[in-house]
């Protein structure tokens, strides 16, 4: 699997369809559609963008999406393309293939439906003209991060989650990641952020905790306020990651991305973080949280971590209110070598 900084052919999203993502009111639905469309538009300034749209949403999607953004019509349950879409990899000859993980709604919680989303990876792969590599591992794109050189970050509470893979062991998961992604070194984070273990969480997606801007470097979420439960969580994760080495045997240079100042959104401790960004050709689409000082500080750190790329920040609080961030709603399709 190439690094997210490798050249892209395009970026994929899915348009919000219904349920909790659209919310209960017309204002909620407008907010969701506008936010997904804003991310798509920001990315389209850098590379081609395709959005999967449920048949029931075609007319409304075209009102929100920019005219230069392509659409593909397919039935959807939800709109988290990172998790329901394929994970693209390069074959030895440089051609692309699309890994189709089993998707079961982040561990088969009672509130989720996923029958349509479970088929989206194959739909997207077919539209992209790439063969499918089928996997029996229940996994999501937001549950892995790679450096393009064989290092893969995962979380013990995701891939070993009894709701996902009840008979899995680390050895079996690592063998499957080697087969599908070319993994040579798998780093098992012990957990994710506090909110991710609530009813509507993913139980520890790594893309809310860390990102790999370049081989040997980690961007790690940092909660600096002792009043937030992730203060201790992020301290422990940073200490853990600072002791790890990658597939090449290098110890990581760990760069902290401090959280914004908001600690609670009325439903509990927030998981606002800047790690959950999308890399595009020549740019980075970053989260903003209405905290000017923190947003600007994060953009500066990202600009330094991704030299030569322009950082564009998009208001992400509506995404986090629905369970994810900018990385969660996007999935890159690498260029063919």
C-alpha atoms as a PDB file:
ATOM      1  CA  UNK A   1       0.000   0.000   0.000  1.00  0.00           C
ATOM      2  CA  UNK A   2       1.491   3.344  -0.999  1.00  0.00           C
ATOM      3  CA  UNK A   3       1.716   6.216   1.450  1.00  0.00           C
ATOM      4  CA  UNK A   4      -1.109   8.743   1.323  1.00  0.00           C
ATOM      5  CA  UNK A   5       1.472  11.270   0.089  1.00  0.00           C
ATOM      6  CA  UNK A   6       2.068   9.231  -3.083  1.00  0.00           C
ATOM      7  CA  UNK A   7       0.488  10.721  -6.247  1.00  0.00           C
ATOM      8  CA  UNK A   8      -3.277  10.280  -6.506  1.00  0.00           C
ATOM      9  CA  UNK A   9      -5.426   9.609  -9.533  1.00  0.00           C
ATOM     10  CA  UNK A  10      -8.442  10.927  -7.635  1.00  0.00           C
ATOM     11  CA  UNK A  11     -10.167  11.217  -4.261  1.00  0.00           C
ATOM     12  CA  UNK A  12     -13.432   9.448  -3.414  1.00  0.00           C
ATOM     13  CA  UNK A  13     -16.239  10.475  -1.059  1.00  0.00           C
ATOM     14  CA  UNK A  14     -19.825   9.361  -0.425  1.00  0.00           C
ATOM     15  CA  UNK A  15     -22.721  11.804  -0.135  1.00  0.00           C
ATOM     16  CA  UNK A  16     -24.788  11.776   3.094  1.00  0.00           C
ATOM     17  CA  UNK A  17     -27.904   9.665   2.636  1.00  0.00           C
ATOM     18  CA  UNK A  18     -30.003   9.547   5.791  1.00  0.00           C
ATOM     19  CA  UNK A  19     -30.233   8.521   9.421  1.00  0.00           C
ATOM     20  CA  UNK A  20     -28.032  10.162  12.045  1.00  0.00           C
ATOM     21  CA  UNK A  21     -25.699  11.573   9.382  1.00  0.00           C
ATOM     22  CA  UNK A  22     -28.400  13.814   7.941  1.00  0.00           C
ATOM     23  CA  UNK A  23     -29.991  14.343  11.355  1.00  0.00           C
ATOM     24  CA  UNK A  24     -33.545  15.085  12.381  1.00  0.00           C
ATOM     25  CA  UNK A  25     -34.175  18.502  10.841  1.00  0.00           C
ATOM     26  CA  UNK A  26     -33.786  20.236   7.512  1.00  0.00           C
ATOM     27  CA  UNK A  27     -31.104  22.418   9.092  1.00  0.00           C
ATOM     28  CA  UNK A  28     -29.200  19.302  10.208  1.00  0.00           C
ATOM     29  CA  UNK A  29     -29.387  17.840   6.700  1.00  0.00           C
ATOM     30  CA  UNK A  30     -28.209  21.099   5.134  1.00  0.00           C
ATOM     31  CA  UNK A  31     -25.282  21.248   7.550  1.00  0.00           C
ATOM     32  CA  UNK A  32     -24.205  17.682   6.725  1.00  0.00           C
ATOM     33  CA  UNK A  33     -24.534  18.075   2.968  1.00  0.00           C
ATOM     34  CA  UNK A  34     -22.753  21.430   3.013  1.00  0.00           C
ATOM     35  CA  UNK A  35     -19.840  20.056   5.025  1.00  0.00           C
ATOM     36  CA  UNK A  36     -19.321  16.978   2.848  1.00  0.00           C
ATOM     37  CA  UNK A  37     -19.573  19.223  -0.232  1.00  0.00           C
ATOM     38  CA  UNK A  38     -17.058  21.692   1.235  1.00  0.00           C
ATOM     39  CA  UNK A  39     -14.490  18.937   1.719  1.00  0.00           C
ATOM     40  CA  UNK A  40     -15.105  17.679  -1.820  1.00  0.00           C
ATOM     41  CA  UNK A  41     -14.699  21.194  -3.228  1.00  0.00           C
ATOM     42  CA  UNK A  42     -11.494  21.840  -1.287  1.00  0.00           C
ATOM     43  CA  UNK A  43     -10.005  18.587  -2.575  1.00  0.00           C
ATOM     44  CA  UNK A  44     -11.185  19.243  -6.157  1.00  0.00           C
ATOM     45  CA  UNK A  45      -8.906  22.281  -6.280  1.00  0.00           C
ATOM     46  CA  UNK A  46      -5.998  19.809  -6.165  1.00  0.00           C
ATOM     47  CA  UNK A  47      -7.129  16.594  -7.879  1.00  0.00           C
ATOM     48  CA  UNK A  48     -10.163  14.925  -9.479  1.00  0.00           C
ATOM     49  CA  UNK A  49     -12.922  14.011  -7.035  1.00  0.00           C
ATOM     50  CA  UNK A  50     -15.676  11.416  -7.391  1.00  0.00           C
ATOM     51  CA  UNK A  51     -18.616  11.170  -4.992  1.00  0.00           C
ATOM     52  CA  UNK A  52     -20.784   8.072  -4.623  1.00  0.00           C
ATOM     53  CA  UNK A  53     -24.443   9.129  -4.356  1.00  0.00           C
ATOM     54  CA  UNK A  54     -27.422   7.056  -3.288  1.00  0.00           C
ATOM     55  CA  UNK A  55     -30.197   6.971  -5.935  1.00  0.00           C
ATOM     56  CA  UNK A  56     -32.499   8.861  -3.569  1.00  0.00           C
ATOM     57  CA  UNK A  57     -30.023  11.738  -3.257  1.00  0.00           C
ATOM     58  CA  UNK A  58     -28.968  12.369  -6.870  1.00  0.00           C
ATOM     59  CA  UNK A  59     -30.964  15.561  -7.387  1.00  0.00           C
ATOM     60  CA  UNK A  60     -30.036  17.097  -4.052  1.00  0.00           C
ATOM     61  CA  UNK A  61     -26.386  16.091  -4.396  1.00  0.00           C
ATOM     62  CA  UNK A  62     -26.088  17.984  -7.656  1.00  0.00           C
ATOM     63  CA  UNK A  63     -27.352  21.095  -5.884  1.00  0.00           C
ATOM     64  CA  UNK A  64     -24.567  20.886  -3.310  1.00  0.00           C
ATOM     65  CA  UNK A  65     -21.630  19.492  -5.273  1.00  0.00           C
ATOM     66  CA  UNK A  66     -19.508  21.594  -7.575  1.00  0.00           C
ATOM     67  CA  UNK A  67     -20.079  20.941 -11.262  1.00  0.00           C
ATOM     68  CA  UNK A  68     -16.540  19.646 -11.829  1.00  0.00           C
ATOM     69  CA  UNK A  69     -17.021  16.861  -9.266  1.00  0.00           C
ATOM     70  CA  UNK A  70     -17.981  13.515 -10.776  1.00  0.00           C
ATOM     71  CA  UNK A  71     -20.686  11.318  -9.267  1.00  0.00           C
ATOM     72  CA  UNK A  72     -21.339   7.579  -9.277  1.00  0.00           C
ATOM     73  CA  UNK A  73     -24.810   6.349  -8.300  1.00  0.00           C
ATOM     74  CA  UNK A  74     -24.981   3.366  -5.925  1.00  0.00           C
ATOM     75  CA  UNK A  75     -27.068   2.430  -2.867  1.00  0.00           C
ATOM     76  CA  UNK A  76     -25.604   3.668   0.424  1.00  0.00           C
ATOM     77  CA  UNK A  77     -26.316   3.258   4.121  1.00  0.00           C
ATOM     78  CA  UNK A  78     -23.890   5.937   5.280  1.00  0.00           C
ATOM     79  CA  UNK A  79     -21.163   8.283   4.049  1.00  0.00           C
ATOM     80  CA  UNK A  80     -17.809   7.313   5.589  1.00  0.00           C
ATOM     81  CA  UNK A  81     -15.889   6.456   2.425  1.00  0.00           C
ATOM     82  CA  UNK A  82     -12.615   5.787   4.237  1.00  0.00           C
ATOM     83  CA  UNK A  83     -14.237   2.815   5.931  1.00  0.00           C
ATOM     84  CA  UNK A  84     -16.633   1.480   3.311  1.00  0.00           C
ATOM     85  CA  UNK A  85     -14.512   2.084   0.220  1.00  0.00           C
ATOM     86  CA  UNK A  86     -11.634  -0.044  -1.051  1.00  0.00           C
ATOM     87  CA  UNK A  87      -8.044   0.259   0.075  1.00  0.00           C
ATOM     88  CA  UNK A  88      -5.896   0.540  -3.034  1.00  0.00           C
ATOM     89  CA  UNK A  89      -2.514  -1.149  -3.335  1.00  0.00           C
ATOM     90  CA  UNK A  90       0.143  -1.486  -6.022  1.00  0.00           C
ATOM     91  CA  UNK A  91       1.054  -4.818  -7.558  1.00  0.00           C
ATOM     92  CA  UNK A  92       4.695  -5.558  -8.345  1.00  0.00           C
ATOM     93  CA  UNK A  93       4.188  -4.333 -11.918  1.00  0.00           C
ATOM     94  CA  UNK A  94       2.835  -0.989 -10.693  1.00  0.00           C
ATOM     95  CA  UNK A  95      -0.796  -1.707 -11.518  1.00  0.00           C
ATOM     96  CA  UNK A  96      -3.537  -1.014  -8.990  1.00  0.00           C
ATOM     97  CA  UNK A  97      -5.707  -3.438  -7.075  1.00  0.00           C
ATOM     98  CA  UNK A  98      -8.450  -2.684  -4.552  1.00  0.00           C
ATOM     99  CA  UNK A  99      -8.558  -4.493  -1.226  1.00  0.00           C
ATOM    100  CA  UNK A 100     -12.141  -5.242  -0.229  1.00  0.00           C
ATOM    101  CA  UNK A 101     -12.306  -5.721   3.529  1.00  0.00           C
ATOM    102  CA  UNK A 102     -15.420  -7.099   5.169  1.00  0.00           C
ATOM    103  CA  UNK A 103     -17.401  -4.185   6.586  1.00  0.00           C
ATOM    104  CA  UNK A 104     -19.920  -4.797   9.377  1.00  0.00           C
ATOM    105  CA  UNK A 105     -20.711  -1.317  10.643  1.00  0.00           C
ATOM    106  CA  UNK A 106     -17.699  -0.982  12.977  1.00  0.00           C
ATOM    107  CA  UNK A 107     -18.243  -4.194  14.885  1.00  0.00           C
ATOM    108  CA  UNK A 108     -21.931  -4.916  14.263  1.00  0.00           C
ATOM    109  CA  UNK A 109     -23.440  -2.497  16.818  1.00  0.00           C
ATOM    110  CA  UNK A 110     -27.211  -2.611  17.229  1.00  0.00           C
ATOM    111  CA  UNK A 111     -27.691   0.905  15.803  1.00  0.00           C
ATOM    112  CA  UNK A 112     -25.829   0.393  12.513  1.00  0.00           C
ATOM    113  CA  UNK A 113     -26.951  -0.829   9.096  1.00  0.00           C
ATOM    114  CA  UNK A 114     -24.350  -1.819   6.548  1.00  0.00           C
ATOM    115  CA  UNK A 115     -25.794  -4.141   3.911  1.00  0.00           C
ATOM    116  CA  UNK A 116     -25.415  -1.552   1.147  1.00  0.00           C
ATOM    117  CA  UNK A 117     -22.140  -0.099   2.399  1.00  0.00           C
ATOM    118  CA  UNK A 118     -20.578  -3.571   2.457  1.00  0.00           C
ATOM    119  CA  UNK A 119     -20.834  -3.633  -1.355  1.00  0.00           C
ATOM    120  CA  UNK A 120     -19.405  -0.165  -2.024  1.00  0.00           C
ATOM    121  CA  UNK A 121     -15.758  -1.231  -2.204  1.00  0.00           C
ATOM    122  CA  UNK A 122     -16.523  -3.506  -5.151  1.00  0.00           C
ATOM    123  CA  UNK A 123     -18.658  -0.829  -6.819  1.00  0.00           C
ATOM    124  CA  UNK A 124     -15.898   1.755  -6.528  1.00  0.00           C
ATOM    125  CA  UNK A 125     -13.217  -0.686  -7.655  1.00  0.00           C
ATOM    126  CA  UNK A 126     -15.249  -1.576 -10.739  1.00  0.00           C
ATOM    127  CA  UNK A 127     -15.780   2.085 -11.620  1.00  0.00           C
ATOM    128  CA  UNK A 128     -12.043   2.690 -11.206  1.00  0.00           C
ATOM    129  CA  UNK A 129     -11.236  -0.313 -13.389  1.00  0.00           C
ATOM    130  CA  UNK A 130      -9.140  -2.043 -10.748  1.00  0.00           C
ATOM    131  CA  UNK A 131      -9.249  -5.736  -9.806  1.00  0.00           C
ATOM    132  CA  UNK A 132     -10.404  -6.670  -6.320  1.00  0.00           C
ATOM    133  CA  UNK A 133      -8.349  -8.417  -3.650  1.00  0.00           C
ATOM    134  CA  UNK A 134     -10.920  -9.977  -1.327  1.00  0.00           C
ATOM    135  CA  UNK A 135     -10.176 -10.244   2.378  1.00  0.00           C
ATOM    136  CA  UNK A 136     -11.977 -12.104   5.157  1.00  0.00           C
ATOM    137  CA  UNK A 137     -10.683  -9.590   7.706  1.00  0.00           C
ATOM    138  CA  UNK A 138     -13.312  -7.242   9.121  1.00  0.00           C
ATOM    139  CA  UNK A 139     -11.482  -3.963   8.815  1.00  0.00           C
ATOM    140  CA  UNK A 140     -11.897  -0.327   7.808  1.00  0.00           C
ATOM    141  CA  UNK A 141      -9.674   2.178   6.051  1.00  0.00           C
ATOM    142  CA  UNK A 142      -9.720   4.419   9.118  1.00  0.00           C
ATOM    143  CA  UNK A 143      -8.287   1.571  11.171  1.00  0.00           C
ATOM    144  CA  UNK A 144      -4.936   1.517   9.334  1.00  0.00           C
ATOM    145  CA  UNK A 145      -2.178   3.977   8.512  1.00  0.00           C
ATOM    146  CA  UNK A 146       0.847   3.136   6.368  1.00  0.00           C
ATOM    147  CA  UNK A 147       4.148   4.721   5.405  1.00  0.00           C
ATOM    148  CA  UNK A 148       4.421   3.133   1.946  1.00  0.00           C
ATOM    149  CA  UNK A 149       7.487   1.173   3.034  1.00  0.00           C
ATOM    150  CA  UNK A 150       5.750  -1.691   4.824  1.00  0.00           C
ATOM    151  CA  UNK A 151       4.913  -0.086   8.178  1.00  0.00           C
ATOM    152  CA  UNK A 152       1.274  -0.370   9.244  1.00  0.00           C
ATOM    153  CA  UNK A 153      -0.348   1.188  12.327  1.00  0.00           C
ATOM    154  CA  UNK A 154      -3.380  -0.617  13.793  1.00  0.00           C
ATOM    155  CA  UNK A 155      -5.194  -0.740  17.139  1.00  0.00           C
ATOM    156  CA  UNK A 156      -5.688  -3.767  19.367  1.00  0.00           C
ATOM    157  CA  UNK A 157      -9.296  -2.806  20.132  1.00  0.00           C
ATOM    158  CA  UNK A 158     -10.243  -2.654  16.438  1.00  0.00           C
ATOM    159  CA  UNK A 159      -8.744  -5.551  14.497  1.00  0.00           C
ATOM    160  CA  UNK A 160      -8.995  -7.802  17.586  1.00  0.00           C
ATOM    161  CA  UNK A 161     -12.491  -6.546  18.445  1.00  0.00           C
ATOM    162  CA  UNK A 162     -14.785  -9.561  19.133  1.00  0.00           C
ATOM    163  CA  UNK A 163     -17.524  -7.775  17.178  1.00  0.00           C
ATOM    164  CA  UNK A 164     -15.285  -7.705  14.136  1.00  0.00           C
ATOM    165  CA  UNK A 165     -12.873 -10.625  14.234  1.00  0.00           C
ATOM    166  CA  UNK A 166     -13.762 -12.880  17.204  1.00  0.00           C
ATOM    167  CA  UNK A 167     -11.218 -15.558  16.320  1.00  0.00           C
ATOM    168  CA  UNK A 168      -8.364 -13.274  15.322  1.00  0.00           C
ATOM    169  CA  UNK A 169      -4.905 -13.209  16.823  1.00  0.00           C
ATOM    170  CA  UNK A 170      -2.189 -10.661  16.190  1.00  0.00           C
ATOM    171  CA  UNK A 171      -0.319 -13.245  14.150  1.00  0.00           C
ATOM    172  CA  UNK A 172      -3.311 -13.941  11.892  1.00  0.00           C
ATOM    173  CA  UNK A 173      -4.049 -10.241  11.401  1.00  0.00           C
ATOM    174  CA  UNK A 174      -0.415  -9.508  10.603  1.00  0.00           C
ATOM    175  CA  UNK A 175      -0.337 -12.319   8.049  1.00  0.00           C
ATOM    176  CA  UNK A 176      -3.428 -10.905   6.339  1.00  0.00           C
ATOM    177  CA  UNK A 177      -1.997  -7.363   6.337  1.00  0.00           C
ATOM    178  CA  UNK A 178       1.181  -8.747   4.793  1.00  0.00           C
ATOM    179  CA  UNK A 179      -0.846 -10.508   2.084  1.00  0.00           C
ATOM    180  CA  UNK A 180      -3.101  -7.570   1.276  1.00  0.00           C
ATOM    181  CA  UNK A 181      -1.020  -4.477   2.043  1.00  0.00           C
ATOM    182  CA  UNK A 182       2.548  -5.737   1.880  1.00  0.00           C
ATOM    183  CA  UNK A 183       3.017  -5.101   5.603  1.00  0.00           C
ATOM    184  CA  UNK A 184       6.486  -5.852   6.941  1.00  0.00           C
ATOM    185  CA  UNK A 185       6.065  -4.272  10.386  1.00  0.00           C
ATOM    186  CA  UNK A 186       2.731  -3.939  12.189  1.00  0.00           C
ATOM    187  CA  UNK A 187       2.586  -1.590  15.174  1.00  0.00           C
ATOM    188  CA  UNK A 188      -0.289  -2.315  17.563  1.00  0.00           C
ATOM    189  CA  UNK A 189      -1.525   0.756  19.403  1.00  0.00           C
ATOM    190  CA  UNK A 190      -3.160  -0.332  22.661  1.00  0.00           C
ATOM    191  CA  UNK A 191      -6.236   1.900  22.260  1.00  0.00           C
ATOM    192  CA  UNK A 192      -7.786   4.980  20.690  1.00  0.00           C
ATOM    193  CA  UNK A 193      -9.471   8.128  22.020  1.00  0.00           C
ATOM    194  CA  UNK A 194     -11.999   8.098  24.851  1.00  0.00           C
ATOM    195  CA  UNK A 195     -15.051   9.068  22.797  1.00  0.00           C
ATOM    196  CA  UNK A 196     -14.368   6.281  20.334  1.00  0.00           C
ATOM    197  CA  UNK A 197     -15.485   3.768  22.966  1.00  0.00           C
ATOM    198  CA  UNK A 198     -18.924   5.271  23.427  1.00  0.00           C
ATOM    199  CA  UNK A 199     -22.001   3.756  21.776  1.00  0.00           C
ATOM    200  CA  UNK A 200     -21.460   5.317  18.357  1.00  0.00           C
ATOM    201  CA  UNK A 201     -17.668   5.017  18.284  1.00  0.00           C
ATOM    202  CA  UNK A 202     -15.383   2.811  16.203  1.00  0.00           C
ATOM    203  CA  UNK A 203     -13.566   1.419  19.258  1.00  0.00           C
ATOM    204  CA  UNK A 204     -10.229   2.985  18.487  1.00  0.00           C
ATOM    205  CA  UNK A 205      -9.603   4.019  14.881  1.00  0.00           C
ATOM    206  CA  UNK A 206      -5.962   4.925  14.442  1.00  0.00           C
ATOM    207  CA  UNK A 207      -6.753   7.843  12.112  1.00  0.00           C
ATOM    208  CA  UNK A 208      -8.048   9.786  15.136  1.00  0.00           C
ATOM    209  CA  UNK A 209      -4.725   9.277  16.907  1.00  0.00           C
ATOM    210  CA  UNK A 210      -1.805   9.293  14.480  1.00  0.00           C
ATOM    211  CA  UNK A 211      -0.786   9.879  10.875  1.00  0.00           C
ATOM    212  CA  UNK A 212       2.427   9.248   8.939  1.00  0.00           C
ATOM    213  CA  UNK A 213       3.394  12.336   6.897  1.00  0.00           C
ATOM    214  CA  UNK A 214       6.669  10.739   5.809  1.00  0.00           C
ATOM    215  CA  UNK A 215       8.550   7.551   6.560  1.00  0.00           C
ATOM    216  CA  UNK A 216      10.046   7.748  10.026  1.00  0.00           C
ATOM    217  CA  UNK A 217       7.782  10.574  11.221  1.00  0.00           C
ATOM    218  CA  UNK A 218       4.499  10.431  13.137  1.00  0.00           C
ATOM    219  CA  UNK A 219       1.949  13.155  13.689  1.00  0.00           C
ATOM    220  CA  UNK A 220       0.275  12.320  16.997  1.00  0.00           C
ATOM    221  CA  UNK A 221      -2.810  13.845  18.589  1.00  0.00           C
ATOM    222  CA  UNK A 222      -2.048  15.652  21.842  1.00  0.00           C
ATOM    223  CA  UNK A 223      -4.649  16.703  24.386  1.00  0.00           C
ATOM    224  CA  UNK A 224      -2.875  19.273  26.610  1.00  0.00           C
ATOM    225  CA  UNK A 225      -5.700  19.883  29.102  1.00  0.00           C
ATOM    226  CA  UNK A 226      -5.638  17.683  32.249  1.00  0.00           C
ATOM    227  CA  UNK A 227      -9.420  18.143  32.558  1.00  0.00           C
ATOM    228  CA  UNK A 228      -9.972  15.994  29.438  1.00  0.00           C
ATOM    229  CA  UNK A 229      -9.781  12.179  29.743  1.00  0.00           C
ATOM    230  CA  UNK A 230      -7.597  12.041  26.626  1.00  0.00           C
ATOM    231  CA  UNK A 231      -4.890  13.973  28.480  1.00  0.00           C
ATOM    232  CA  UNK A 232      -3.639  10.708  29.965  1.00  0.00           C
ATOM    233  CA  UNK A 233      -4.585   8.673  26.898  1.00  0.00           C
ATOM    234  CA  UNK A 234      -2.522  10.798  24.506  1.00  0.00           C
ATOM    235  CA  UNK A 235       0.407  10.969  26.917  1.00  0.00           C
ATOM    236  CA  UNK A 236       0.479   7.172  27.094  1.00  0.00           C
ATOM    237  CA  UNK A 237       0.121   6.776  23.330  1.00  0.00           C
ATOM    238  CA  UNK A 238       2.929   9.245  22.670  1.00  0.00           C
ATOM    239  CA  UNK A 239       5.198   7.409  25.086  1.00  0.00           C
ATOM    240  CA  UNK A 240       4.325   4.106  23.426  1.00  0.00           C
ATOM    241  CA  UNK A 241       4.898   5.375  19.878  1.00  0.00           C
ATOM    242  CA  UNK A 242       8.166   7.082  20.758  1.00  0.00           C
ATOM    243  CA  UNK A 243       9.581   3.658  21.620  1.00  0.00           C
ATOM    244  CA  UNK A 244       8.480   2.004  18.358  1.00  0.00           C
ATOM    245  CA  UNK A 245      10.504   1.447  15.203  1.00  0.00           C
ATOM    246  CA  UNK A 246       9.251   1.222  11.627  1.00  0.00           C
ATOM    247  CA  UNK A 247       9.796  -1.427   8.966  1.00  0.00           C
ATOM    248  CA  UNK A 248      13.231   0.015   8.205  1.00  0.00           C
ATOM    249  CA  UNK A 249      14.232  -0.136  11.874  1.00  0.00           C
ATOM    250  CA  UNK A 250      14.056   3.624  12.452  1.00  0.00           C
ATOM    251  CA  UNK A 251      12.730   5.043  15.703  1.00  0.00           C
ATOM    252  CA  UNK A 252       9.955   7.534  14.954  1.00  0.00           C
ATOM    253  CA  UNK A 253      10.301  11.273  15.124  1.00  0.00           C
ATOM    254  CA  UNK A 254       7.043  12.049  16.965  1.00  0.00           C
ATOM    255  CA  UNK A 255       5.442  15.436  16.252  1.00  0.00           C
ATOM    256  CA  UNK A 256       2.537  16.483  18.454  1.00  0.00           C
ATOM    257  CA  UNK A 257      -0.605  18.109  17.071  1.00  0.00           C
ATOM    258  CA  UNK A 258      -2.266  19.850  20.043  1.00  0.00           C
ATOM    259  CA  UNK A 259      -6.056  19.677  20.295  1.00  0.00           C
ATOM    260  CA  UNK A 260      -8.220  22.808  20.151  1.00  0.00           C
ATOM    261  CA  UNK A 261      -9.356  24.364  23.409  1.00  0.00           C
ATOM    262  CA  UNK A 262     -12.934  23.001  23.429  1.00  0.00           C
ATOM    263  CA  UNK A 263     -13.222  20.049  25.803  1.00  0.00           C
ATOM    264  CA  UNK A 264     -16.939  19.204  25.719  1.00  0.00           C
ATOM    265  CA  UNK A 265     -19.694  19.563  23.127  1.00  0.00           C
ATOM    266  CA  UNK A 266     -22.633  18.938  25.448  1.00  0.00           C
ATOM    267  CA  UNK A 267     -22.611  15.205  24.765  1.00  0.00           C
ATOM    268  CA  UNK A 268     -19.348  14.552  26.559  1.00  0.00           C
ATOM    269  CA  UNK A 269     -15.602  14.977  26.020  1.00  0.00           C
ATOM    270  CA  UNK A 270     -14.865  15.804  22.379  1.00  0.00           C
ATOM    271  CA  UNK A 271     -12.460  13.921  20.146  1.00  0.00           C
ATOM    272  CA  UNK A 272     -11.551  17.016  18.093  1.00  0.00           C
ATOM    273  CA  UNK A 273      -8.154  16.444  16.505  1.00  0.00           C
ATOM    274  CA  UNK A 274      -6.052  17.630  13.572  1.00  0.00           C
ATOM    275  CA  UNK A 275      -4.538  14.218  12.855  1.00  0.00           C
ATOM    276  CA  UNK A 276      -7.682  13.335  10.897  1.00  0.00           C
ATOM    277  CA  UNK A 277      -6.765  15.211   7.710  1.00  0.00           C
ATOM    278  CA  UNK A 278      -6.718  14.231   4.044  1.00  0.00           C
ATOM    279  CA  UNK A 279      -3.585  14.453   1.905  1.00  0.00           C
ATOM    280  CA  UNK A 280      -4.160  15.393  -1.742  1.00  0.00           C
ATOM    281  CA  UNK A 281      -1.883  16.166  -4.683  1.00  0.00           C
ATOM    282  CA  UNK A 282      -0.040  19.314  -3.654  1.00  0.00           C
ATOM    283  CA  UNK A 283      -2.193  19.919  -0.594  1.00  0.00           C
ATOM    284  CA  UNK A 284      -3.597  18.908   2.761  1.00  0.00           C
ATOM    285  CA  UNK A 285      -7.282  19.292   3.659  1.00  0.00           C
ATOM    286  CA  UNK A 286      -7.216  19.976   7.394  1.00  0.00           C
ATOM    287  CA  UNK A 287      -9.883  20.135  10.067  1.00  0.00           C
ATOM    288  CA  UNK A 288     -10.851  23.441  11.652  1.00  0.00           C
ATOM    289  CA  UNK A 289     -12.845  23.787  14.862  1.00  0.00           C
ATOM    290  CA  UNK A 290     -13.609  27.477  15.200  1.00  0.00           C
ATOM    291  CA  UNK A 291     -10.569  27.955  17.454  1.00  0.00           C
ATOM    292  CA  UNK A 292      -8.467  30.391  15.465  1.00  0.00           C
ATOM    293  CA  UNK A 293      -5.278  30.056  17.477  1.00  0.00           C
ATOM    294  CA  UNK A 294      -5.345  26.258  17.576  1.00  0.00           C
ATOM    295  CA  UNK A 295      -6.503  25.947  13.947  1.00  0.00           C
ATOM    296  CA  UNK A 296      -3.675  28.172  12.729  1.00  0.00           C
ATOM    297  CA  UNK A 297      -1.099  26.384  14.888  1.00  0.00           C
ATOM    298  CA  UNK A 298      -2.205  23.020  13.511  1.00  0.00           C
ATOM    299  CA  UNK A 299      -2.114  24.295   9.922  1.00  0.00           C
ATOM    300  CA  UNK A 300       1.449  25.515  10.457  1.00  0.00           C
ATOM    301  CA  UNK A 301       2.526  22.145  11.899  1.00  0.00           C
ATOM    302  CA  UNK A 302       0.904  20.341   8.967  1.00  0.00           C
ATOM    303  CA  UNK A 303       2.575  22.668   6.459  1.00  0.00           C
ATOM    304  CA  UNK A 304       5.954  21.860   7.988  1.00  0.00           C
ATOM    305  CA  UNK A 305       5.209  18.123   8.069  1.00  0.00           C
ATOM    306  CA  UNK A 306       4.118  18.156   4.406  1.00  0.00           C
ATOM    307  CA  UNK A 307       6.616  20.500   2.702  1.00  0.00           C
ATOM    308  CA  UNK A 308       5.517  21.763  -0.691  1.00  0.00           C
ATOM    309  CA  UNK A 309       1.825  21.183   0.009  1.00  0.00           C
ATOM    310  CA  UNK A 310      -0.726  23.917   0.618  1.00  0.00           C
ATOM    311  CA  UNK A 311      -2.852  23.453   3.737  1.00  0.00           C
ATOM    312  CA  UNK A 312      -6.558  24.266   3.382  1.00  0.00           C
ATOM    313  CA  UNK A 313      -8.694  24.130   6.520  1.00  0.00           C
ATOM    314  CA  UNK A 314     -12.389  23.194   6.418  1.00  0.00           C
ATOM    315  CA  UNK A 315     -14.825  23.527   9.321  1.00  0.00           C
ATOM    316  CA  UNK A 316     -15.058  19.991  10.680  1.00  0.00           C
ATOM    317  CA  UNK A 317     -17.270  20.243  13.774  1.00  0.00           C
ATOM    318  CA  UNK A 318     -20.332  18.977  11.849  1.00  0.00           C
ATOM    319  CA  UNK A 319     -18.325  15.887  10.863  1.00  0.00           C
ATOM    320  CA  UNK A 320     -17.130  15.177  14.396  1.00  0.00           C
ATOM    321  CA  UNK A 321     -20.669  15.642  15.712  1.00  0.00           C
ATOM    322  CA  UNK A 322     -21.618  12.757  13.421  1.00  0.00           C
ATOM    323  CA  UNK A 323     -18.692  10.538  14.363  1.00  0.00           C
ATOM    324  CA  UNK A 324     -15.625  11.326  12.290  1.00  0.00           C
ATOM    325  CA  UNK A 325     -13.457  13.799  10.455  1.00  0.00           C
ATOM    326  CA  UNK A 326     -12.106  14.723   7.040  1.00  0.00           C
ATOM    327  CA  UNK A 327      -9.905  11.651   6.727  1.00  0.00           C
ATOM    328  CA  UNK A 328     -12.920   9.494   7.595  1.00  0.00           C
ATOM    329  CA  UNK A 329     -15.037  10.732   4.672  1.00  0.00           C
ATOM    330  CA  UNK A 330     -12.310  10.520   2.009  1.00  0.00           C
ATOM    331  CA  UNK A 331     -10.384   7.695   0.347  1.00  0.00           C
ATOM    332  CA  UNK A 332      -7.499   8.233  -2.039  1.00  0.00           C
ATOM    333  CA  UNK A 333      -7.069   6.280  -5.265  1.00  0.00           C
ATOM    334  CA  UNK A 334      -3.329   6.198  -5.976  1.00  0.00           C
ATOM    335  CA  UNK A 335      -1.958   6.817  -9.447  1.00  0.00           C
ATOM    336  CA  UNK A 336      -0.855   3.845 -11.458  1.00  0.00           C
ATOM    337  CA  UNK A 337       2.916   3.639 -11.563  1.00  0.00           C
END
